[in-house]
PDB file of N, CA and C in Angstrom:
ATOM      1  N   GLU A   1      -3.654  -5.389  -7.059  1.00  0.00           N
ATOM      2  CA  GLU A   1      -3.412  -6.430  -8.027  1.00  0.00           C
ATOM      3  C   GLU A   1      -4.218  -6.193  -9.297  1.00  0.00           C
ATOM      4  N   HIS A   2      -5.431  -5.650  -9.148  1.00  0.00           N
ATOM      5  CA  HIS A   2      -6.297  -5.400 -10.300  1.00  0.00           C
ATOM      6  C   HIS A   2      -6.509  -3.898 -10.447  1.00  0.00           C
ATOM      7  N   PHE A   3      -6.521  -3.421 -11.687  1.00  0.00           N
ATOM      8  CA  PHE A   3      -6.577  -1.994 -11.953  1.00  0.00           C
ATOM      9  C   PHE A   3      -7.737  -1.665 -12.880  1.00  0.00           C
ATOM     10  N   ASP A   4      -8.341  -0.484 -12.675  1.00  0.00           N
ATOM     11  CA  ASP A   4      -9.385   0.019 -13.560  1.00  0.00           C
ATOM     12  C   ASP A   4      -8.786   0.770 -14.748  1.00  0.00           C
ATOM     13  N   ILE A   5      -7.490   1.025 -14.719  1.00  0.00           N
ATOM     14  CA  ILE A   5      -6.805   1.762 -15.776  1.00  0.00           C
ATOM     15  C   ILE A   5      -6.587   0.798 -16.946  1.00  0.00           C
ATOM     16  N   HIS A   6      -7.057   1.176 -18.121  1.00  0.00           N
ATOM     17  CA  HIS A   6      -7.134   0.258 -19.258  1.00  0.00           C
ATOM     18  C   HIS A   6      -5.802  -0.326 -19.705  1.00  0.00           C
ATOM     19  N   ASN A   7      -4.731   0.442 -19.680  1.00  0.00           N
ATOM     20  CA  ASN A   7      -3.468  -0.068 -20.221  1.00  0.00           C
ATOM     21  C   ASN A   7      -2.630  -0.821 -19.188  1.00  0.00           C
ATOM     22  N   LEU A   8      -3.141  -0.988 -17.970  1.00  0.00           N
ATOM     23  CA  LEU A   8      -2.395  -1.720 -16.947  1.00  0.00           C
ATOM     24  C   LEU A   8      -2.940  -3.132 -16.801  1.00  0.00           C
ATOM     25  N   LYS A   9      -2.041  -4.086 -16.855  1.00  0.00           N
ATOM     26  CA  LYS A   9      -2.424  -5.476 -16.637  1.00  0.00           C
ATOM     27  C   LYS A   9      -2.464  -5.751 -15.137  1.00  0.00           C
ATOM     28  N   SER A  10      -3.187  -6.790 -14.759  1.00  0.00           N
ATOM     29  CA  SER A  10      -3.170  -7.219 -13.361  1.00  0.00           C
ATOM     30  C   SER A  10      -1.739  -7.546 -12.967  1.00  0.00           C
ATOM     31  N   ARG A  11      -1.406  -7.289 -11.721  1.00  0.00           N
ATOM     32  CA  ARG A  11      -0.057  -7.557 -11.226  1.00  0.00           C
ATOM     33  C   ARG A  11      -0.052  -8.958 -10.617  1.00  0.00           C
ATOM     34  N   THR A  12       0.194  -9.955 -11.446  1.00  0.00           N
ATOM     35  CA  THR A  12       0.176 -11.335 -10.969  1.00  0.00           C
ATOM     36  C   THR A  12       1.341 -11.575 -10.016  1.00  0.00           C
ATOM     37  N   GLY A  13       1.096 -12.404  -9.034  1.00  0.00           N
ATOM     38  CA  GLY A  13       2.119 -12.698  -8.042  1.00  0.00           C
ATOM     39  C   GLY A  13       2.089 -11.776  -6.848  1.00  0.00           C
ATOM     40  N   THR A  14       1.223 -10.785  -6.875  1.00  0.00           N
ATOM     41  CA  THR A  14       1.150  -9.847  -5.757  1.00  0.00           C
ATOM     42  C   THR A  14       0.804 -10.566  -4.464  1.00  0.00           C
ATOM     43  N   ASN A  15      -0.096 -11.535  -4.534  1.00  0.00           N
ATOM     44  CA  ASN A  15      -0.492 -12.249  -3.317  1.00  0.00           C
ATOM     45  C   ASN A  15       0.694 -12.994  -2.701  1.00  0.00           C
ATOM     46  N   VAL A  16       1.570 -13.538  -3.524  1.00  0.00           N
ATOM     47  CA  VAL A  16       2.756 -14.225  -3.011  1.00  0.00           C
ATOM     48  C   VAL A  16       3.706 -13.214  -2.376  1.00  0.00           C
ATOM     49  N   ASP A  17       3.954 -12.103  -3.061  1.00  0.00           N
ATOM     50  CA  ASP A  17       4.808 -11.043  -2.503  1.00  0.00           C
ATOM     51  C   ASP A  17       4.244 -10.546  -1.179  1.00  0.00           C
ATOM     52  N   CYS A  18       2.940 -10.338  -1.153  1.00  0.00           N
ATOM     53  CA  CYS A  18       2.276  -9.831   0.048  1.00  0.00           C
ATOM     54  C   CYS A  18       2.407 -10.823   1.205  1.00  0.00           C
ATOM     55  N   ASP A  19       2.153 -12.088   0.934  1.00  0.00           N
ATOM     56  CA  ASP A  19       2.273 -13.113   1.980  1.00  0.00           C
ATOM     57  C   ASP A  19       3.693 -13.189   2.523  1.00  0.00           C
ATOM     58  N   ASN A  20       4.676 -13.165   1.633  1.00  0.00           N
ATOM     59  CA  ASN A  20       6.073 -13.244   2.067  1.00  0.00           C
ATOM     60  C   ASN A  20       6.472 -12.027   2.891  1.00  0.00           C
ATOM     61  N   LEU A  21       6.104 -10.840   2.433  1.00  0.00           N
ATOM     62  CA  LEU A  21       6.424  -9.622   3.173  1.00  0.00           C
ATOM     63  C   LEU A  21       5.734  -9.619   4.530  1.00  0.00           C
ATOM     64  N   SER A  22       4.485 -10.038   4.558  1.00  0.00           N
ATOM     65  CA  SER A  22       3.733 -10.091   5.808  1.00  0.00           C
ATOM     66  C   SER A  22       4.401 -11.025   6.819  1.00  0.00           C
ATOM     67  N   LYS A  23       4.821 -12.187   6.370  1.00  0.00           N
ATOM     68  CA  LYS A  23       5.484 -13.147   7.262  1.00  0.00           C
ATOM     69  C   LYS A  23       6.763 -12.565   7.846  1.00  0.00           C
ATOM     70  N   VAL A  24       7.564 -11.924   7.008  1.00  0.00           N
ATOM     71  CA  VAL A  24       8.819 -11.333   7.484  1.00  0.00           C
ATOM     72  C   VAL A  24       8.539 -10.235   8.503  1.00  0.00           C
ATOM     73  N   LEU A  25       7.600  -9.348   8.185  1.00  0.00           N
ATOM     74  CA  LEU A  25       7.302  -8.243   9.098  1.00  0.00           C
ATOM     75  C   LEU A  25       6.746  -8.746  10.426  1.00  0.00           C
ATOM     76  N   LYS A  26       5.878  -9.738  10.387  1.00  0.00           N
ATOM     77  CA  LYS A  26       5.344 -10.312  11.631  1.00  0.00           C
ATOM     78  C   LYS A  26       6.457 -10.948  12.451  1.00  0.00           C
ATOM     79  N   SER A  27       7.412 -11.594  11.789  1.00  0.00           N
ATOM     80  CA  SER A  27       8.529 -12.205  12.515  1.00  0.00           C
ATOM     81  C   SER A  27       9.401 -11.151  13.189  1.00  0.00           C
ATOM     82  N   LEU A  28       9.348  -9.928  12.684  1.00  0.00           N
ATOM     83  CA  LEU A  28      10.103  -8.819  13.279  1.00  0.00           C
ATOM     84  C   LEU A  28       9.289  -8.062  14.323  1.00  0.00           C
ATOM     85  N   GLY A  29       8.059  -8.519  14.580  1.00  0.00           N
ATOM     86  CA  GLY A  29       7.239  -7.907  15.616  1.00  0.00           C
ATOM     87  C   GLY A  29       6.272  -6.849  15.134  1.00  0.00           C
ATOM     88  N   PHE A  30       6.137  -6.682  13.840  1.00  0.00           N
ATOM     89  CA  PHE A  30       5.190  -5.700  13.306  1.00  0.00           C
ATOM     90  C   PHE A  30       3.770  -6.246  13.362  1.00  0.00           C
ATOM     91  N   ARG A  31       2.829  -5.359  13.591  1.00  0.00           N
ATOM     92  CA  ARG A  31       1.407  -5.660  13.417  1.00  0.00           C
ATOM     93  C   ARG A  31       1.102  -5.315  11.965  1.00  0.00           C
ATOM     94  N   VAL A  32       0.566  -6.249  11.208  1.00  0.00           N
ATOM     95  CA  VAL A  32       0.398  -6.089   9.765  1.00  0.00           C
ATOM     96  C   VAL A  32      -1.075  -5.931   9.410  1.00  0.00           C
ATOM     97  N   THR A  33      -1.368  -4.914   8.621  1.00  0.00           N
ATOM     98  CA  THR A  33      -2.694  -4.705   8.043  1.00  0.00           C
ATOM     99  C   THR A  33      -2.532  -4.740   6.535  1.00  0.00           C
ATOM    100  N   ILE A  34      -3.349  -5.538   5.878  1.00  0.00           N
ATOM    101  CA  ILE A  34      -3.259  -5.670   4.424  1.00  0.00           C
ATOM    102  C   ILE A  34      -4.526  -5.101   3.796  1.00  0.00           C
ATOM    103  N   LEU A  35      -4.336  -4.200   2.849  1.00  0.00           N
ATOM    104  CA  LEU A  35      -5.446  -3.598   2.112  1.00  0.00           C
ATOM    105  C   LEU A  35      -5.208  -3.860   0.635  1.00  0.00           C
ATOM    106  N   ASN A  36      -6.210  -4.356  -0.048  1.00  0.00           N
ATOM    107  CA  ASN A  36      -6.047  -4.747  -1.451  1.00  0.00           C
ATOM    108  C   ASN A  36      -6.871  -3.883  -2.390  1.00  0.00           C
ATOM    109  N   ASN A  37      -6.289  -3.593  -3.548  1.00  0.00           N
ATOM    110  CA  ASN A  37      -7.005  -2.967  -4.668  1.00  0.00           C
ATOM    111  C   ASN A  37      -7.715  -1.666  -4.294  1.00  0.00           C
ATOM    112  N   LEU A  38      -7.029  -0.795  -3.565  1.00  0.00           N
ATOM    113  CA  LEU A  38      -7.641   0.464  -3.133  1.00  0.00           C
ATOM    114  C   LEU A  38      -7.584   1.525  -4.223  1.00  0.00           C
ATOM    115  N   LYS A  39      -8.644   2.303  -4.294  1.00  0.00           N
ATOM    116  CA  LYS A  39      -8.632   3.507  -5.124  1.00  0.00           C
ATOM    117  C   LYS A  39      -7.811   4.557  -4.388  1.00  0.00           C
ATOM    118  N   PHE A  40      -7.316   5.548  -5.124  1.00  0.00           N
ATOM    119  CA  PHE A  40      -6.451   6.567  -4.531  1.00  0.00           C
ATOM    120  C   PHE A  40      -7.126   7.260  -3.347  1.00  0.00           C
ATOM    121  N   GLU A  41      -8.391   7.583  -3.475  1.00  0.00           N
ATOM    122  CA  GLU A  41      -9.128   8.236  -2.382  1.00  0.00           C
ATOM    123  C   GLU A  41      -9.153   7.354  -1.134  1.00  0.00           C
ATOM    124  N   ASP A  42      -9.294   6.051  -1.315  1.00  0.00           N
ATOM    125  CA  ASP A  42      -9.317   5.127  -0.181  1.00  0.00           C
ATOM    126  C   ASP A  42      -7.948   5.019   0.486  1.00  0.00           C
ATOM    127  N   VAL A  43      -6.884   5.071  -0.311  1.00  0.00           N
ATOM    128  CA  VAL A  43      -5.531   5.080   0.248  1.00  0.00           C
ATOM    129  C   VAL A  43      -5.366   6.304   1.138  1.00  0.00           C
ATOM    130  N   ASN A  44      -5.733   7.468   0.631  1.00  0.00           N
ATOM    131  CA  ASN A  44      -5.619   8.704   1.413  1.00  0.00           C
ATOM    132  C   ASN A  44      -6.469   8.660   2.671  1.00  0.00           C
ATOM    133  N   ARG A  45      -7.684   8.152   2.555  1.00  0.00           N
ATOM    134  CA  ARG A  45      -8.588   8.068   3.708  1.00  0.00           C
ATOM    135  C   ARG A  45      -7.987   7.169   4.793  1.00  0.00           C
ATOM    136  N   TYR A  46      -7.446   6.025   4.394  1.00  0.00           N
ATOM    137  CA  TYR A  46      -6.854   5.116   5.370  1.00  0.00           C
ATOM    138  C   TYR A  46      -5.629   5.745   6.034  1.00  0.00           C
ATOM    139  N   LEU A  47      -4.781   6.394   5.258  1.00  0.00           N
ATOM    140  CA  LEU A  47      -3.604   7.043   5.844  1.00  0.00           C
ATOM    141  C   LEU A  47      -3.998   8.153   6.808  1.00  0.00           C
ATOM    142  N   GLN A  48      -5.072   8.865   6.526  1.00  0.00           N
ATOM    143  CA  GLN A  48      -5.561   9.891   7.449  1.00  0.00           C
ATOM    144  C   GLN A  48      -6.009   9.246   8.760  1.00  0.00           C
ATOM    145  N   GLN A  49      -6.695   8.115   8.679  1.00  0.00           N
ATOM    146  CA  GLN A  49      -7.116   7.398   9.886  1.00  0.00           C
ATOM    147  C   GLN A  49      -5.903   6.951  10.694  1.00  0.00           C
ATOM    148  N   VAL A  50      -4.894   6.440  10.019  1.00  0.00           N
ATOM    149  CA  VAL A  50      -3.672   6.004  10.694  1.00  0.00           C
ATOM    150  C   VAL A  50      -2.977   7.191  11.351  1.00  0.00           C
ATOM    151  N   ALA A  51      -2.949   8.324  10.671  1.00  0.00           N
ATOM    152  CA  ALA A  51      -2.304   9.525  11.217  1.00  0.00           C
ATOM    153  C   ALA A  51      -2.985   9.996  12.496  1.00  0.00           C
ATOM    154  N   GLU A  52      -4.275   9.738  12.620  1.00  0.00           N
ATOM    155  CA  GLU A  52      -5.031  10.184  13.790  1.00  0.00           C
ATOM    156  C   GLU A  52      -4.967   9.197  14.955  1.00  0.00           C
ATOM    157  N   MET A  53      -4.378   8.028  14.754  1.00  0.00           N
ATOM    158  CA  MET A  53      -4.264   7.024  15.817  1.00  0.00           C
ATOM    159  C   MET A  53      -3.190   7.426  16.821  1.00  0.00           C
ATOM    160  N   ASP A  54      -3.291   6.857  18.021  1.00  0.00           N
ATOM    161  CA  ASP A  54      -2.284   7.056  19.056  1.00  0.00           C
ATOM    162  C   ASP A  54      -1.114   6.107  18.784  1.00  0.00           C
ATOM    163  N   HIS A  55       0.044   6.668  18.520  1.00  0.00           N
ATOM    164  CA  HIS A  55       1.222   5.862  18.201  1.00  0.00           C
ATOM    165  C   HIS A  55       2.285   5.927  19.297  1.00  0.00           C
ATOM    166  N   THR A  56       1.895   6.307  20.503  1.00  0.00           N
ATOM    167  CA  THR A  56       2.890   6.478  21.561  1.00  0.00           C
ATOM    168  C   THR A  56       3.597   5.175  21.930  1.00  0.00           C
ATOM    169  N   GLU A  57       2.972   4.044  21.698  1.00  0.00           N
ATOM    170  CA  GLU A  57       3.592   2.753  22.015  1.00  0.00           C
ATOM    171  C   GLU A  57       4.298   2.131  20.811  1.00  0.00           C
ATOM    172  N   ASN A  58       4.353   2.841  19.708  1.00  0.00           N
ATOM    173  CA  ASN A  58       4.969   2.314  18.488  1.00  0.00           C
ATOM    174  C   ASN A  58       6.327   2.952  18.250  1.00  0.00           C
ATOM    175  N   ASP A  59       7.237   2.172  17.699  1.00  0.00           N
ATOM    176  CA  ASP A  59       8.570   2.670  17.377  1.00  0.00           C
ATOM    177  C   ASP A  59       8.689   3.138  15.937  1.00  0.00           C
ATOM    178  N   CYS A  60       7.883   2.582  15.056  1.00  0.00           N
ATOM    179  CA  CYS A  60       7.934   3.001  13.661  1.00  0.00           C
ATOM    180  C   CYS A  60       6.650   2.608  12.941  1.00  0.00           C
ATOM    181  N   LEU A  61       6.476   3.180  11.786  1.00  0.00           N
ATOM    182  CA  LEU A  61       5.353   2.872  10.903  1.00  0.00           C
ATOM    183  C   LEU A  61       5.944   2.548   9.542  1.00  0.00           C
ATOM    184  N   LEU A  62       5.524   1.450   8.962  1.00  0.00           N
ATOM    185  CA  LEU A  62       6.028   1.037   7.664  1.00  0.00           C
ATOM    186  C   LEU A  62       4.843   0.854   6.732  1.00  0.00           C
ATOM    187  N   MET A  63       4.950   1.420   5.547  1.00  0.00           N
ATOM    188  CA  MET A  63       3.923   1.233   4.529  1.00  0.00           C
ATOM    189  C   MET A  63       4.603   0.686   3.284  1.00  0.00           C
ATOM    190  N   ALA A  64       4.103  -0.430   2.787  1.00  0.00           N
ATOM    191  CA  ALA A  64       4.618  -1.017   1.550  1.00  0.00           C
ATOM    192  C   ALA A  64       3.514  -0.974   0.514  1.00  0.00           C
ATOM    193  N   VAL A  65       3.838  -0.497  -0.667  1.00  0.00           N
ATOM    194  CA  VAL A  65       2.874  -0.436  -1.768  1.00  0.00           C
ATOM    195  C   VAL A  65       3.329  -1.436  -2.823  1.00  0.00           C
ATOM    196  N   LEU A  66       2.503  -2.437  -3.067  1.00  0.00           N
ATOM    197  CA  LEU A  66       2.796  -3.428  -4.099  1.00  0.00           C
ATOM    198  C   LEU A  66       1.927  -3.086  -5.294  1.00  0.00           C
ATOM    199  N   SER A  67       2.527  -2.488  -6.301  1.00  0.00           N
ATOM    200  CA  SER A  67       1.757  -1.959  -7.421  1.00  0.00           C
ATOM    201  C   SER A  67       2.650  -1.794  -8.643  1.00  0.00           C
ATOM    202  N   HIS A  68       2.055  -1.368  -9.733  1.00  0.00           N
ATOM    203  CA  HIS A  68       2.820  -0.915 -10.886  1.00  0.00           C
ATOM    204  C   HIS A  68       3.344   0.488 -10.582  1.00  0.00           C
ATOM    205  N   GLY A  69       4.413   0.861 -11.230  1.00  0.00           N
ATOM    206  CA  GLY A  69       4.935   2.208 -11.102  1.00  0.00           C
ATOM    207  C   GLY A  69       5.882   2.513 -12.244  1.00  0.00           C
ATOM    208  N   GLU A  70       5.985   3.792 -12.576  1.00  0.00           N
ATOM    209  CA  GLU A  70       6.922   4.219 -13.615  1.00  0.00           C
ATOM    210  C   GLU A  70       7.108   5.725 -13.537  1.00  0.00           C
ATOM    211  N   MET A  71       8.292   6.170 -13.899  1.00  0.00           N
ATOM    212  CA  MET A  71       8.626   7.595 -13.989  1.00  0.00           C
ATOM    213  C   MET A  71       8.172   8.377 -12.754  1.00  0.00           C
ATOM    214  N   GLY A  72       8.474   7.840 -11.571  1.00  0.00           N
ATOM    215  CA  GLY A  72       8.158   8.532 -10.335  1.00  0.00           C
ATOM    216  C   GLY A  72       6.706   8.466  -9.915  1.00  0.00           C
ATOM    217  N   MET A  73       5.919   7.638 -10.560  1.00  0.00           N
ATOM    218  CA  MET A  73       4.495   7.524 -10.249  1.00  0.00           C
ATOM    219  C   MET A  73       4.178   6.099  -9.799  1.00  0.00           C
ATOM    220  N   LEU A  74       3.217   5.986  -8.885  1.00  0.00           N
ATOM    221  CA  LEU A  74       2.651   4.699  -8.498  1.00  0.00           C
ATOM    222  C   LEU A  74       1.214   4.651  -8.981  1.00  0.00           C
ATOM    223  N   TYR A  75       0.651   3.458  -9.038  1.00  0.00           N
ATOM    224  CA  TYR A  75      -0.730   3.308  -9.484  1.00  0.00           C
ATOM    225  C   TYR A  75      -1.602   2.755  -8.368  1.00  0.00           C
ATOM    226  N   ALA A  76      -2.698   3.453  -8.095  1.00  0.00           N
ATOM    227  CA  ALA A  76      -3.779   2.914  -7.277  1.00  0.00           C
ATOM    228  C   ALA A  76      -4.703   2.168  -8.238  1.00  0.00           C
ATOM    229  N   LYS A  77      -5.791   1.639  -7.743  1.00  0.00           N
ATOM    230  CA  LYS A  77      -6.717   0.898  -8.605  1.00  0.00           C
ATOM    231  C   LYS A  77      -7.262   1.764  -9.731  1.00  0.00           C
ATOM    232  N   ASP A  78      -7.434   3.076  -9.456  1.00  0.00           N
ATOM    233  CA  ASP A  78      -8.143   3.936 -10.406  1.00  0.00           C
ATOM    234  C   ASP A  78      -7.310   5.024 -11.065  1.00  0.00           C
ATOM    235  N   THR A  79      -6.103   5.300 -10.572  1.00  0.00           N
ATOM    236  CA  THR A  79      -5.319   6.404 -11.122  1.00  0.00           C
ATOM    237  C   THR A  79      -3.856   6.279 -10.701  1.00  0.00           C
ATOM    238  N   HIS A  80      -3.006   7.097 -11.302  1.00  0.00           N
ATOM    239  CA  HIS A  80      -1.604   7.155 -10.892  1.00  0.00           C
ATOM    240  C   HIS A  80      -1.424   8.349  -9.954  1.00  0.00           C
ATOM    241  N   TYR A  81      -0.336   8.318  -9.169  1.00  0.00           N
ATOM    242  CA  TYR A  81      -0.066   9.403  -8.223  1.00  0.00           C
ATOM    243  C   TYR A  81       1.410   9.417  -7.872  1.00  0.00           C
ATOM    244  N   LYS A  82       1.866  10.571  -7.422  1.00  0.00           N
ATOM    245  CA  LYS A  82       3.228  10.695  -6.926  1.00  0.00           C
ATOM    246  C   LYS A  82       3.225  10.257  -5.464  1.00  0.00           C
ATOM    247  N   PRO A  83       4.150   9.394  -5.066  1.00  0.00           N
ATOM    248  CA  PRO A  83       4.161   8.911  -3.682  1.00  0.00           C
ATOM    249  C   PRO A  83       4.228  10.025  -2.645  1.00  0.00           C
ATOM    250  N   ASP A  84       4.904  11.136  -2.966  1.00  0.00           N
ATOM    251  CA  ASP A  84       5.020  12.204  -1.968  1.00  0.00           C
ATOM    252  C   ASP A  84       3.696  12.904  -1.688  1.00  0.00           C
ATOM    253  N   THR A  85       2.660  12.666  -2.496  1.00  0.00           N
ATOM    254  CA  THR A  85       1.349  13.248  -2.183  1.00  0.00           C
ATOM    255  C   THR A  85       0.703  12.552  -0.995  1.00  0.00           C
ATOM    256  N   LEU A  86       1.195  11.371  -0.635  1.00  0.00           N
ATOM    257  CA  LEU A  86       0.640  10.643   0.504  1.00  0.00           C
ATOM    258  C   LEU A  86       1.143  11.183   1.832  1.00  0.00           C
ATOM    259  N   TRP A  87       2.294  11.829   1.847  1.00  0.00           N
ATOM    260  CA  TRP A  87       2.893  12.270   3.094  1.00  0.00           C
ATOM    261  C   TRP A  87       2.755  13.741   3.206  1.00  0.00           C
TER     262      TRP A  87
END
């Protein structure tokens, strides 16, 4: 919701979007983890931790990024990145 990048404004309404998405996913049986205002390094670190978890009892993994984005780039708190760098 808040960015260290000077030309990006805070993304107002993110908390409402997040709450609504969380409710829907929980109603579908998903276990929901919410992480706010992460720097790019923290996003990568968390995804690495998730990749190392045992997922044998899970049917799918869903990641939603609520952020600014443009021209194929998403924004973390501190920088922009191409989404395919996460996978």
